[in-house]
Amino acid sequence: MKYLIIGLGNIGAEYENTRHNIGFDVVDRLSKELNGEFKIERHAFRSELKFKGRKLILLKPTTFMNLSGKAVKYWMTTEKVSADNIIVILDDLAIPLGKLRMKLKGGDGNHNGLTSIIENLGNNVFPRLRFGIGSDFRRGYQSDFVLGKWTSEENVVVDERIDLAIEFVKSFVSIGAQRTMTALNNK
């Protein structure tokens, strides 16, 4: 079995440790935990790993958030992976800080990365793991908040919850999406 684990974010030092890059942070930690190494390839940094007899291909698109779908579509086609065997990890303003929710389909939630993926795939039916970043910003400052760095207090929560995100990914590839959602969505 082969899986694509796609962490959304933006490339470049100025985006490191920002709320919008939580997808990159999750796949970075998973790659490190499983002794993987990211290499630059077409449209993405790619790390190939083995976990419980499964092949995991971790991706960090280099297309920037708004064009993430281009990288996702390319790698799904190249690796011949169906939408059932991908999981997209992204930040979500509509969920409180540190809460995680896995869904099998849905709209874009005004997330440009999801919008791009839905447009490129031609549908919205693919697993995604939404990582809550909260919405503690003044009206009109959403972009500044999303692209802003974590506070020291937030960092403590986020660091711990990245471990749970990794648990979601491992469970997803081991026992499937439905059982993973039942077991972990309310943790």
Protein backbone atom coordinates (compact mmCIF):
# COMPACT_ATOMS: atom_id res chain seq x y z
CA MET A 1 0.00 0.00 0.00
CA LYS A 2 1.19 3.47 -0.91
CA TYR A 3 0.07 6.77 0.69
CA LEU A 4 0.71 10.45 0.04
CA ILE A 5 0.94 12.52 3.21
CA ILE A 6 0.73 16.16 2.16
CA GLY A 7 1.57 18.95 4.55
CA LEU A 8 0.47 22.38 3.36
CA GLY A 9 2.57 25.49 3.87
CA ASN A 10 4.73 28.05 2.14
CA ILE A 11 8.42 27.62 1.38
CA GLY A 12 11.00 30.10 2.63
CA ALA A 13 12.54 31.07 5.95
CA GLU A 14 10.05 33.91 6.44
CA TYR A 15 7.21 31.36 6.70
CA GLU A 16 8.88 28.97 9.16
CA ASN A 17 7.07 28.58 12.48
CA THR A 18 3.98 30.38 11.19
CA ARG A 19 0.42 29.21 11.72
CA HIS A 20 -0.10 28.66 7.98
CA ASN A 21 2.83 26.21 7.87
CA ILE A 22 1.55 23.72 10.42
CA GLY A 23 1.19 21.10 7.66
CA PHE A 24 4.91 21.38 6.91
CA ASP A 25 5.68 21.13 10.63
CA VAL A 26 3.71 17.89 10.98
CA VAL A 27 5.34 16.13 8.01
CA ASP A 28 8.78 17.41 9.05
CA ARG A 29 8.40 15.79 12.46
CA LEU A 30 6.97 12.57 11.01
CA SER A 31 9.86 12.32 8.55
CA LYS A 32 12.39 12.89 11.33
CA GLU A 33 10.67 10.33 13.61
CA LEU A 34 10.79 7.67 10.88
CA ASN A 35 14.35 8.57 9.80
CA GLY A 36 13.31 10.10 6.49
CA GLU A 37 14.95 12.91 4.60
CA PHE A 38 13.32 15.52 2.37
CA LYS A 39 14.76 16.09 -1.08
CA ILE A 40 13.68 18.70 -3.57
CA GLU A 41 11.78 17.17 -6.48
CA ARG A 42 9.23 18.41 -8.96
CA HIS A 43 6.70 20.72 -7.28
CA ALA A 44 7.57 19.50 -3.76
CA PHE A 45 10.06 18.49 -1.13
CA ARG A 46 9.60 14.71 -0.91
CA SER A 47 10.48 12.16 1.76
CA GLU A 48 9.82 8.45 1.22
CA LEU A 49 9.39 6.23 4.27
CA LYS A 50 8.22 2.82 5.35
CA PHE A 51 5.74 2.35 8.18
CA LYS A 52 4.21 -1.03 9.08
CA GLY A 53 4.84 -2.36 5.60
CA ARG A 54 3.32 0.66 3.92
CA LYS A 55 5.10 3.14 1.69
CA LEU A 56 4.57 6.72 2.83
CA ILE A 57 5.47 9.59 0.55
CA LEU A 58 5.56 12.82 2.52
CA LEU A 59 5.20 16.01 0.49
CA LYS A 60 5.73 19.69 1.17
CA PRO A 61 4.57 21.49 -2.00
CA THR A 62 6.98 24.14 -3.30
CA THR A 63 4.21 25.77 -5.32
CA PHE A 64 3.19 27.99 -2.40
CA MET A 65 -0.16 27.57 -0.68
CA ASN A 66 -2.37 29.04 -3.40
CA LEU A 67 -1.13 26.51 -5.99
CA SER A 68 -0.88 23.43 -3.75
CA GLY A 69 -3.28 21.52 -5.98
CA LYS A 70 -0.75 21.49 -8.82
CA ALA A 71 1.73 19.55 -6.66
CA VAL A 72 -0.93 17.24 -5.21
CA LYS A 73 -2.32 16.35 -8.64
CA TYR A 74 1.17 15.81 -10.08
CA TRP A 75 2.25 13.44 -7.29
CA MET A 76 -1.04 11.54 -7.21
CA THR A 77 -0.62 10.90 -10.95
CA THR A 78 3.11 10.16 -10.78
CA GLU A 79 2.80 7.76 -7.85
CA LYS A 80 -0.56 6.35 -9.01
CA VAL A 81 -2.21 7.02 -5.65
CA SER A 82 -5.99 7.35 -5.39
CA ALA A 83 -7.70 10.09 -3.40
CA ASP A 84 -8.56 7.52 -0.71
CA ASN A 85 -4.85 7.09 0.03
CA ILE A 86 -3.90 10.72 0.49
CA ILE A 87 -4.24 12.93 3.52
CA VAL A 88 -3.82 16.69 3.39
CA ILE A 89 -2.70 18.38 6.61
CA LEU A 90 -3.58 22.06 6.95
CA ASP A 91 -4.26 24.92 9.32
CA ASP A 92 -7.86 25.88 10.14
CA LEU A 93 -9.08 29.16 11.64
CA ALA A 94 -12.53 27.75 12.41
CA ILE A 95 -11.15 25.27 14.95
CA PRO A 96 -9.78 26.23 18.37
CA LEU A 97 -6.02 26.15 18.83
CA GLY A 98 -4.67 22.61 18.98
CA LYS A 99 -7.90 20.81 18.13
CA LEU A 100 -7.64 18.32 15.27
CA ARG A 101 -10.41 17.14 12.97
CA MET A 102 -10.18 14.62 10.17
CA LYS A 103 -12.78 14.74 7.39
CA LEU A 104 -13.21 12.70 4.22
CA LYS A 105 -14.70 15.47 2.10
CA GLY A 106 -15.95 19.02 2.32
CA GLY A 107 -15.61 22.53 1.07
CA ASP A 108 -12.51 24.67 1.10
CA GLY A 109 -13.40 26.61 4.26
CA ASN A 110 -11.88 29.70 2.60
CA HIS A 111 -8.48 28.00 2.69
CA ASN A 112 -6.58 28.79 -0.51
CA GLY A 113 -4.59 25.55 -0.38
CA LEU A 114 -7.77 23.46 -0.22
CA THR A 115 -9.36 25.58 -2.95
CA SER A 116 -6.44 24.81 -5.24
CA ILE A 117 -6.52 21.08 -4.47
CA ILE A 118 -10.28 20.85 -5.06
CA GLU A 119 -9.94 22.73 -8.37
CA ASN A 120 -7.05 20.54 -9.55
CA LEU A 121 -8.66 17.24 -8.54
CA GLY A 122 -12.09 18.26 -9.79
CA ASN A 123 -13.79 17.19 -6.56
CA ASN A 124 -13.69 17.68 -2.79
CA VAL A 125 -13.63 14.00 -1.79
CA PHE A 126 -10.25 13.35 -0.19
CA PRO A 127 -9.15 12.96 3.43
CA ARG A 128 -7.86 16.03 5.21
CA LEU A 129 -6.61 16.65 8.72
CA ARG A 130 -7.51 20.14 9.89
CA PHE A 131 -5.23 21.52 12.63
CA GLY A 132 -6.91 24.27 14.64
CA ILE A 133 -4.98 27.52 14.89
CA GLY A 134 -7.77 29.51 16.56
CA SER A 135 -9.02 32.90 15.47
CA ASP A 136 -7.55 35.32 17.98
CA PHE A 137 -7.20 38.32 15.69
CA ARG A 138 -8.94 41.64 15.10
CA ARG A 139 -11.25 42.04 12.16
CA GLY A 140 -9.28 42.71 8.99
CA TYR A 141 -6.10 41.08 10.32
CA GLN A 142 -6.74 37.46 9.30
CA SER A 143 -3.83 37.34 6.85
CA ASP A 144 -1.41 38.79 9.42
CA PHE A 145 -2.60 36.23 11.97
CA VAL A 146 -2.36 33.23 9.65
CA LEU A 147 1.09 34.23 8.40
CA GLY A 148 2.22 35.23 11.89
CA LYS A 149 4.57 33.27 14.12
CA TRP A 150 3.27 31.23 17.03
CA THR A 151 3.42 32.90 20.43
CA SER A 152 5.45 31.11 23.12
CA GLU A 153 2.19 30.03 24.81
CA GLU A 154 0.79 28.70 21.53
CA ASN A 155 4.05 26.89 20.79
CA VAL A 156 3.63 24.72 23.89
CA VAL A 157 0.17 23.58 22.74
CA VAL A 158 1.17 23.19 19.10
CA ASP A 159 4.26 21.12 19.87
CA GLU A 160 2.19 18.63 21.85
CA ARG A 161 -0.61 18.50 19.27
CA ILE A 162 1.80 17.81 16.39
CA ASP A 163 2.36 14.47 18.13
CA LEU A 164 -1.40 13.82 17.94
CA ALA A 165 -1.41 14.80 14.25
CA ILE A 166 1.28 12.18 13.67
CA GLU A 167 -0.87 9.66 15.55
CA PHE A 168 -3.72 10.51 13.14
CA VAL A 169 -1.48 9.88 10.11
CA LYS A 170 -0.14 6.59 11.45
CA SER A 171 -3.66 5.44 12.31
CA PHE A 172 -4.99 6.51 8.90
CA VAL A 173 -2.43 4.40 7.04
CA SER A 174 -2.83 1.48 9.48
CA ILE A 175 -6.57 1.12 10.08
CA GLY A 176 -8.21 3.52 7.61
CA ALA A 177 -9.98 6.84 7.73
CA GLN A 178 -13.29 5.84 9.34
CA ARG A 179 -11.76 4.02 12.31
CA THR A 180 -9.21 6.81 12.74
CA MET A 181 -11.92 9.46 12.88
CA THR A 182 -13.91 7.42 15.40
CA ALA A 183 -10.85 6.90 17.61
CA LEU A 184 -9.16 10.29 17.41
CA ASN A 185 -11.46 13.12 16.28
CA ASN A 186 -12.53 13.96 19.83
CA LYS A 187 -9.11 13.66 21.50
